[in-house]
Amino acid sequence: MKKIVQFITDIGDGGAETLVKDYALLLDRNEFEVVILTRYPIKGTANFKHLENNNIRIVSLNKSNSTLAKIWNKLTFKFRIPVLMRRFLKEEKPDIMHVHLAQLRYLDTVSDELKGVKLFYTCHNIVSHYFAGDNIAEKIAAEHLIKNNNLRLIALHDDMKNELNELFNVDNSVVIHNGIDFSRFKNVAITKEEKRKEIGVPENAFVMGHIGRFAEQKNHPFLVEVFNEVAKEREDAFLLMIGAGDMAPIEAKLHDYGLDGKYAILSNRTDIPELLKTMDVFVFPSLFEGLGIVLIEAQVAGLKCVVSDKIPEEAFQTDQIISLSLEKRYSEWRDAILDNTIKGNSVRDIESYDINKEIHRLESLYLGKI
């Protein structure tokens, strides 16, 4: 049996964290033992509870995720992290380490100790986001690990694969889609009316939905501006936002527009398929995305999606997804949201995002078959 370590910042409820959770639960337990290594011990999230309930071990390098702990981590990185990493490797003796988000610099501190361990890295966002600017240390670490430890790069789609190959002068990057369990989104037992009643959404409302953490990338201020225009046009408009983070500025903005009582914010949810069913349209005005797996989920759920032109075309799987520039007026976004005659022009093989297919490709990758 091969021991696999999935290494990620923490177990929140974002897309990368959800994927790690799915990998841990779906990899063949006769072939693989999975341990999750995190930098910070975030507990209480839906993903954490799911993993805990399924007896997946989660180990954290740091004992706290407080601001002070993160500052201390940064100040002592060069001296403390190699010690913690060596201790972990000595105790766990992994055969494979699969890294997610910005953790490559952590592996690089113990590259000698990783000889004989298969290394993989999934790029979950646009390549320039992870390997330039403030993250240049990740690029340096990746180059060293590719040269000395045969690190293999995993992309979310073909364009990203080509970018990674070019940036690191390799030719063996591989595409593994961030898959989802189609059955959860296609076979939702509860009705729209029942779910709306359960979460306090007016039964006959026109619900504009969004899923994403409250962070600059997700562009919530723009979302509020668009919803304000929709609410002017439709008295029954309601905004449903699902995500964790600092939502106070967004709530203040909604209050300033007099939209109290016309929105709801939910966090740490395990019932995303049911929540998608309550929506009439999904709006996703991100400033950038590596893919935006939630868009695949929304399309599998049959929702119309109005998204920014910063979303990779690979995410456009059905004619239900409409792309608009963030330079367009809010009223133009409103019109695209409300006009059901507008269709997109992309039809791809959305079945390629079935997690049950992709997990077999990942197993083959781990075993050296691809």
Protein backbone atom coordinates (compact mmCIF):
# COMPACT_ATOMS: atom_id res chain seq x y z
CA MET A 1 0.00 0.00 0.00
CA LYS A 2 1.27 3.47 -0.93
CA LYS A 3 1.10 6.29 1.62
CA ILE A 4 0.04 9.59 0.04
CA VAL A 5 0.35 12.95 1.76
CA GLN A 6 -1.92 15.69 0.45
CA PHE A 7 -0.27 18.97 1.49
CA ILE A 8 -2.40 22.15 1.60
CA THR A 9 -2.60 25.39 3.60
CA ASP A 10 -5.63 24.35 5.66
CA ILE A 11 -8.91 22.50 5.41
CA GLY A 12 -11.29 25.33 4.62
CA ASP A 13 -14.26 25.07 2.28
CA GLY A 14 -12.70 26.45 -0.90
CA GLY A 15 -12.38 24.64 -4.21
CA ALA A 16 -8.85 23.28 -3.68
CA GLU A 17 -9.69 22.17 -0.15
CA THR A 18 -12.84 20.41 -1.37
CA LEU A 19 -10.81 18.62 -4.03
CA VAL A 20 -8.31 17.41 -1.43
CA LYS A 21 -11.23 16.16 0.65
CA ASP A 22 -12.62 14.28 -2.35
CA TYR A 23 -9.23 12.76 -3.15
CA ALA A 24 -8.85 11.55 0.43
CA LEU A 25 -12.30 9.93 0.39
CA LEU A 26 -12.33 8.49 -3.13
CA LEU A 27 -8.82 7.12 -3.69
CA ASP A 28 -8.82 3.31 -3.55
CA ARG A 29 -8.18 2.47 0.11
CA ASN A 30 -6.85 -0.93 -0.87
CA GLU A 31 -4.08 0.79 -2.82
CA PHE A 32 -3.52 4.05 -0.93
CA GLU A 33 -3.40 5.39 2.61
CA VAL A 34 -4.06 9.14 2.66
CA VAL A 35 -2.78 11.61 5.25
CA ILE A 36 -3.50 15.33 4.95
CA LEU A 37 -0.76 17.74 5.99
CA THR A 38 -1.76 21.37 6.57
CA ARG A 39 0.18 24.44 7.54
CA TYR A 40 -2.56 25.69 9.86
CA PRO A 41 -5.15 23.81 11.98
CA ILE A 42 -8.51 25.17 10.85
CA LYS A 43 -11.31 23.04 12.33
CA GLY A 44 -15.07 23.27 12.20
CA THR A 45 -15.42 23.72 8.45
CA ALA A 46 -17.69 21.43 6.45
CA ASN A 47 -14.71 19.79 4.74
CA PHE A 48 -12.86 19.24 8.01
CA LYS A 49 -15.91 17.63 9.62
CA HIS A 50 -16.43 15.39 6.61
CA LEU A 51 -12.84 14.17 6.72
CA GLU A 52 -12.94 13.71 10.48
CA ASN A 53 -16.15 11.69 10.24
CA ASN A 54 -14.46 9.42 7.69
CA ASN A 55 -11.37 8.85 9.84
CA ILE A 56 -8.93 10.66 7.55
CA ARG A 57 -5.90 11.81 9.54
CA ILE A 58 -5.08 15.54 9.39
CA VAL A 59 -1.71 16.75 10.69
CA SER A 60 -0.80 20.44 11.04
CA LEU A 61 2.70 21.91 11.11
CA ASN A 62 1.56 24.83 13.26
CA LYS A 63 -0.52 24.57 16.42
CA SER A 64 -2.47 27.79 15.81
CA ASN A 65 -3.87 29.70 12.85
CA SER A 66 -3.92 33.08 14.64
CA THR A 67 -2.45 36.18 13.05
CA LEU A 68 0.37 36.09 15.59
CA ALA A 69 1.14 32.47 14.71
CA LYS A 70 1.29 33.34 11.01
CA ILE A 71 3.66 36.25 11.67
CA TRP A 72 5.85 33.98 13.81
CA ASN A 73 5.76 31.35 11.06
CA LYS A 74 6.98 33.89 8.52
CA LEU A 75 9.76 35.23 10.76
CA THR A 76 11.10 31.78 11.68
CA PHE A 77 10.50 30.05 8.34
CA LYS A 78 14.14 29.34 7.46
CA PHE A 79 14.94 27.79 10.83
CA ARG A 80 11.75 26.22 12.16
CA ILE A 81 10.01 24.86 9.07
CA PRO A 82 12.81 22.47 7.99
CA VAL A 83 12.77 20.99 11.50
CA LEU A 84 8.99 20.49 11.43
CA MET A 85 9.06 19.05 7.91
CA ARG A 86 11.89 16.62 8.73
CA ARG A 87 10.02 15.47 11.82
CA PHE A 88 6.87 14.87 9.77
CA LEU A 89 8.74 12.95 7.06
CA LYS A 90 10.52 10.80 9.63
CA GLU A 91 7.25 9.91 11.34
CA GLU A 92 5.07 9.37 8.27
CA LYS A 93 7.54 8.04 5.65
CA PRO A 94 5.33 8.93 2.65
CA ASP A 95 5.70 7.32 -0.76
CA ILE A 96 3.97 10.21 -2.53
CA MET A 97 3.43 13.89 -1.70
CA HIS A 98 0.81 15.86 -3.61
CA VAL A 99 1.06 19.60 -3.04
CA HIS A 100 -1.73 22.16 -3.47
CA LEU A 101 -1.64 25.97 -3.44
CA ALA A 102 1.53 27.76 -2.24
CA GLN A 103 3.44 25.09 -0.28
CA LEU A 104 6.34 24.29 -2.62
CA ARG A 105 8.77 26.45 -0.68
CA TYR A 106 8.05 24.24 2.35
CA LEU A 107 9.05 21.12 0.43
CA ASP A 108 12.13 22.83 -0.92
CA THR A 109 13.53 23.21 2.60
CA VAL A 110 13.79 19.40 2.81
CA SER A 111 14.42 18.45 -0.81
CA ASP A 112 17.31 16.16 0.17
CA GLU A 113 15.07 14.23 2.57
CA LEU A 114 12.50 13.84 -0.20
CA LYS A 115 14.74 11.73 -2.42
CA GLY A 116 12.74 8.65 -3.34
CA VAL A 117 9.37 10.32 -2.66
CA LYS A 118 7.21 10.97 -5.73
CA LEU A 119 6.23 14.65 -5.82
CA PHE A 120 3.22 16.21 -7.57
CA TYR A 121 1.94 19.77 -7.60
CA THR A 122 -1.52 20.92 -8.73
CA CYS A 123 -1.75 24.51 -9.93
CA HIS A 124 -5.22 25.64 -8.79
CA ASN A 125 -5.14 29.18 -10.14
CA ILE A 126 -3.71 31.13 -13.05
CA VAL A 127 -0.01 30.32 -13.44
CA SER A 128 1.15 33.92 -13.02
CA HIS A 129 -0.71 34.14 -9.70
CA TYR A 130 1.35 31.36 -8.12
CA PHE A 131 4.74 31.87 -9.73
CA ALA A 132 5.30 35.63 -10.00
CA GLY A 133 5.31 38.78 -7.89
CA ASP A 134 5.01 38.01 -4.20
CA ASN A 135 5.07 34.29 -5.03
CA ILE A 136 8.40 34.27 -6.88
CA ALA A 137 9.76 32.04 -4.09
CA GLU A 138 7.29 29.38 -5.27
CA LYS A 139 8.77 29.51 -8.79
CA ILE A 140 12.30 29.15 -7.43
CA ALA A 141 11.20 26.24 -5.25
CA ALA A 142 9.39 24.58 -8.17
CA GLU A 143 12.46 24.87 -10.42
CA HIS A 144 14.66 23.28 -7.77
CA LEU A 145 12.22 20.48 -7.00
CA ILE A 146 11.74 19.72 -10.71
CA LYS A 147 15.52 19.50 -11.18
CA ASN A 148 16.40 17.60 -8.01
CA ASN A 149 13.24 15.67 -7.10
CA ASN A 150 11.45 15.14 -10.43
CA LEU A 151 8.42 17.15 -9.32
CA ARG A 152 5.53 16.54 -11.73
CA LEU A 153 3.16 19.43 -12.47
CA ILE A 154 -0.62 18.96 -12.74
CA ALA A 155 -2.79 21.46 -14.62
CA LEU A 156 -6.54 21.98 -14.59
CA HIS A 157 -6.84 22.26 -18.38
CA ASP A 158 -4.76 22.18 -21.56
CA ASP A 159 -3.96 25.91 -21.72
CA MET A 160 -2.63 25.78 -18.16
CA LYS A 161 -0.59 22.67 -19.01
CA ASN A 162 1.05 24.50 -21.91
CA GLU A 163 1.81 27.50 -19.69
CA LEU A 164 3.42 25.31 -17.04
CA ASN A 165 5.49 23.42 -19.60
CA GLU A 166 6.75 26.66 -21.10
CA LEU A 167 7.45 28.39 -17.79
CA PHE A 168 9.45 25.49 -16.35
CA ASN A 169 10.89 24.14 -19.62
CA VAL A 170 9.35 20.70 -19.17
CA ASP A 171 7.14 18.54 -21.37
CA ASN A 172 5.51 16.20 -18.86
CA SER A 173 2.85 18.34 -17.17
CA VAL A 174 -0.46 16.49 -17.08
CA VAL A 175 -4.11 17.55 -16.96
CA ILE A 176 -6.26 16.19 -14.14
CA HIS A 177 -9.62 17.93 -14.02
CA ASN A 178 -10.96 19.10 -10.68
CA GLY A 179 -13.83 16.68 -10.92
CA ILE A 180 -17.17 16.65 -9.11
CA ASP A 181 -19.68 13.96 -8.19
CA PHE A 182 -22.34 14.48 -10.86
CA SER A 183 -24.96 12.44 -9.02
CA ARG A 184 -24.99 14.92 -6.10
CA PHE A 185 -25.91 17.80 -8.42
CA LYS A 186 -28.30 15.99 -10.75
CA ASN A 187 -30.28 14.01 -8.18
CA VAL A 188 -31.18 16.45 -5.43
CA ALA A 189 -34.02 15.02 -3.34
CA ILE A 190 -35.31 18.26 -1.79
CA THR A 191 -37.47 20.66 -3.84
CA LYS A 192 -36.56 24.27 -4.53
CA GLU A 193 -39.48 25.44 -2.39
CA GLU A 194 -38.54 23.21 0.55
CA LYS A 195 -34.91 24.32 0.53
CA ARG A 196 -35.80 28.00 0.23
CA LYS A 197 -38.08 27.68 3.24
CA GLU A 198 -35.34 25.92 5.19
CA ILE A 199 -32.74 28.67 4.64
CA GLY A 200 -35.12 31.62 4.85
CA VAL A 201 -35.29 32.63 1.19
CA PRO A 202 -38.68 33.93 -0.03
CA GLU A 203 -40.47 31.17 -1.92
CA ASN A 204 -41.30 33.26 -4.99
CA ALA A 205 -38.10 35.34 -5.11
CA PHE A 206 -35.83 35.71 -8.12
CA VAL A 207 -32.62 34.37 -6.58
CA MET A 208 -29.25 35.52 -7.87
CA GLY A 209 -26.60 33.24 -6.39
CA HIS A 210 -22.85 33.27 -5.83
CA ILE A 211 -20.43 30.82 -4.20
CA GLY A 212 -16.93 31.87 -3.23
CA ARG A 213 -14.88 32.99 -0.26
CA PHE A 214 -15.03 36.67 0.65
CA ALA A 215 -11.72 37.70 -0.90
CA GLU A 216 -10.66 40.31 -3.47
CA GLN A 217 -10.37 37.70 -6.23
CA LYS A 218 -14.10 36.91 -6.08
CA ASN A 219 -15.08 40.57 -6.66
CA HIS A 220 -18.02 40.80 -4.26
CA PRO A 221 -18.28 44.62 -4.50
CA PHE A 222 -19.01 44.25 -8.23
CA LEU A 223 -21.55 41.52 -7.43
CA VAL A 224 -23.39 43.91 -5.10
CA GLU A 225 -23.44 46.65 -7.75
CA VAL A 226 -24.97 44.25 -10.25
CA PHE A 227 -27.52 42.98 -7.74
CA ASN A 228 -28.50 46.58 -6.94
CA GLU A 229 -29.37 47.05 -10.62
CA VAL A 230 -31.31 43.77 -10.69
CA ALA A 231 -33.23 44.78 -7.54
CA LYS A 232 -34.26 48.05 -9.21
CA GLU A 233 -35.76 46.06 -12.06
CA ARG A 234 -37.28 43.23 -10.02
CA GLU A 235 -38.87 43.86 -6.65
CA ASP A 236 -38.64 40.13 -5.86
CA ALA A 237 -34.84 39.99 -6.36
CA PHE A 238 -32.84 38.18 -3.66
CA LEU A 239 -29.07 37.68 -3.39
CA LEU A 240 -27.77 34.40 -1.93
CA MET A 241 -24.04 34.34 -1.18
CA ILE A 242 -22.23 31.26 0.10
CA GLY A 243 -18.71 31.59 1.42
CA ALA A 244 -16.47 32.28 4.39
CA GLY A 245 -14.29 35.27 5.21
CA ASP A 246 -14.77 38.94 6.07
CA MET A 247 -18.24 39.71 4.76
CA ALA A 248 -18.74 42.88 6.87
CA PRO A 249 -17.77 45.33 4.06
CA ILE A 250 -20.20 43.62 1.68
CA GLU A 251 -23.02 43.71 4.21
CA ALA A 252 -22.30 47.41 4.79
CA LYS A 253 -22.49 48.05 1.04
CA LEU A 254 -25.81 46.21 0.79
CA HIS A 255 -27.13 48.22 3.74
CA ASP A 256 -26.08 51.51 2.10
CA TYR A 257 -28.14 50.55 -0.96
CA GLY A 258 -31.17 49.80 1.21
CA LEU A 259 -31.04 46.08 0.43
CA ASP A 260 -31.43 44.77 3.98
CA GLY A 261 -33.75 41.76 3.99
CA LYS A 262 -33.02 41.03 0.33
CA TYR A 263 -29.93 38.89 0.82
CA ALA A 264 -28.52 36.00 2.83
CA ILE A 265 -24.96 34.84 3.52
CA LEU A 266 -24.24 31.20 4.40
CA SER A 267 -20.89 29.71 5.43
CA ASN A 268 -19.34 26.27 5.94
CA ARG A 269 -22.02 24.39 4.00
CA THR A 270 -22.05 20.72 3.00
CA ASP A 271 -25.29 21.08 1.01
CA ILE A 272 -24.02 22.96 -2.07
CA PRO A 273 -26.09 20.89 -4.55
CA GLU A 274 -29.27 21.74 -2.62
CA LEU A 275 -28.31 25.42 -2.36
CA LEU A 276 -27.66 25.62 -6.10
CA LYS A 277 -31.19 24.30 -6.62
CA THR A 278 -32.60 27.35 -4.82
CA MET A 279 -31.01 29.73 -7.35
CA ASP A 280 -32.44 31.08 -10.60
CA VAL A 281 -29.12 32.35 -11.95
CA PHE A 282 -25.50 31.99 -10.88
CA VAL A 283 -23.29 35.09 -11.11
CA PHE A 284 -19.48 34.85 -10.94
CA PRO A 285 -17.62 38.14 -11.59
CA SER A 286 -14.14 36.97 -10.49
CA LEU A 287 -11.05 39.05 -11.23
CA PHE A 288 -9.19 35.84 -12.11
CA GLU A 289 -9.64 32.06 -11.82
CA GLY A 290 -7.58 28.98 -12.58
CA LEU A 291 -10.84 27.32 -13.60
CA GLY A 292 -13.67 28.01 -11.16
CA ILE A 293 -14.89 24.49 -10.37
CA VAL A 294 -18.07 25.90 -8.84
CA LEU A 295 -19.07 26.92 -12.38
CA ILE A 296 -18.89 23.28 -13.47
CA GLU A 297 -21.10 22.40 -10.52
CA ALA A 298 -23.59 25.14 -11.43
CA GLN A 299 -23.76 23.94 -15.04
CA VAL A 300 -24.24 20.31 -13.99
CA ALA A 301 -27.07 21.59 -11.77
CA GLY A 302 -28.64 23.16 -14.88
CA LEU A 303 -28.20 26.81 -13.88
CA LYS A 304 -27.77 29.77 -16.16
CA CYS A 305 -24.39 31.35 -15.34
CA VAL A 306 -23.29 34.94 -16.00
CA VAL A 307 -19.54 35.25 -15.49
CA SER A 308 -16.63 37.62 -16.03
CA ASP A 309 -14.42 37.36 -19.10
CA LYS A 310 -11.54 36.52 -16.76
CA ILE A 311 -12.84 32.96 -16.44
CA PRO A 312 -10.92 30.40 -18.58
CA GLU A 313 -12.86 29.15 -21.60
CA GLU A 314 -12.36 25.60 -20.34
CA ALA A 315 -15.03 26.34 -17.71
CA PHE A 316 -17.57 27.06 -20.48
CA GLN A 317 -19.11 23.61 -20.82
CA THR A 318 -22.70 24.38 -21.87
CA ASP A 319 -24.64 27.12 -23.65
CA GLN A 320 -25.97 28.17 -20.23
CA ILE A 321 -22.82 30.16 -19.47
CA ILE A 322 -22.56 33.78 -20.64
CA SER A 323 -19.36 35.82 -20.42
CA LEU A 324 -19.23 39.60 -19.96
CA SER A 325 -16.37 42.06 -19.55
CA LEU A 326 -15.97 43.63 -16.12
CA GLU A 327 -15.71 46.91 -18.03
CA LYS A 328 -19.36 46.60 -19.07
CA ARG A 329 -21.93 48.69 -17.25
CA TYR A 330 -23.72 47.08 -14.32
CA SER A 331 -26.95 47.50 -16.25
CA GLU A 332 -25.58 45.32 -19.05
CA TRP A 333 -24.84 42.58 -16.52
CA ARG A 334 -28.39 43.06 -15.19
CA ASP A 335 -29.84 42.60 -18.67
CA ALA A 336 -27.83 39.43 -19.28
CA ILE A 337 -29.04 38.04 -15.95
CA LEU A 338 -32.71 38.79 -16.58
CA ASP A 339 -32.95 38.02 -20.32
CA ASN A 340 -33.45 34.28 -20.73
CA THR A 341 -33.18 34.49 -24.52
CA ILE A 342 -29.44 35.14 -24.28
CA LYS A 343 -27.39 31.97 -24.64
CA GLY A 344 -23.71 31.14 -24.68
CA ASN A 345 -22.10 29.33 -27.60
CA SER A 346 -19.92 26.73 -25.87
CA VAL A 347 -20.76 23.05 -25.74
CA ARG A 348 -18.00 20.78 -24.47
CA ASP A 349 -17.76 17.33 -22.92
CA ILE A 350 -18.82 18.21 -19.38
CA GLU A 351 -18.71 14.49 -18.54
CA SER A 352 -14.91 14.81 -18.46
CA TYR A 353 -15.37 16.51 -15.08
CA ASP A 354 -16.91 13.41 -13.50
CA ILE A 355 -14.78 12.86 -10.35
CA ASN A 356 -15.19 9.10 -10.63
CA LYS A 357 -13.35 9.18 -13.97
CA GLU A 358 -10.71 11.65 -12.89
CA ILE A 359 -9.87 9.76 -9.69
CA HIS A 360 -8.82 6.77 -11.80
CA ARG A 361 -6.53 9.01 -13.85
CA LEU A 362 -5.03 10.36 -10.64
CA GLU A 363 -4.43 6.83 -9.33
CA SER A 364 -2.71 5.93 -12.60
CA LEU A 365 -0.55 9.05 -12.28
CA TYR A 366 0.48 8.15 -8.74
CA LEU A 367 1.39 4.63 -9.88
CA GLY A 368 3.50 5.89 -12.80
CA LYS A 369 1.16 4.68 -15.53
CA ILE A 370 0.73 8.15 -17.11
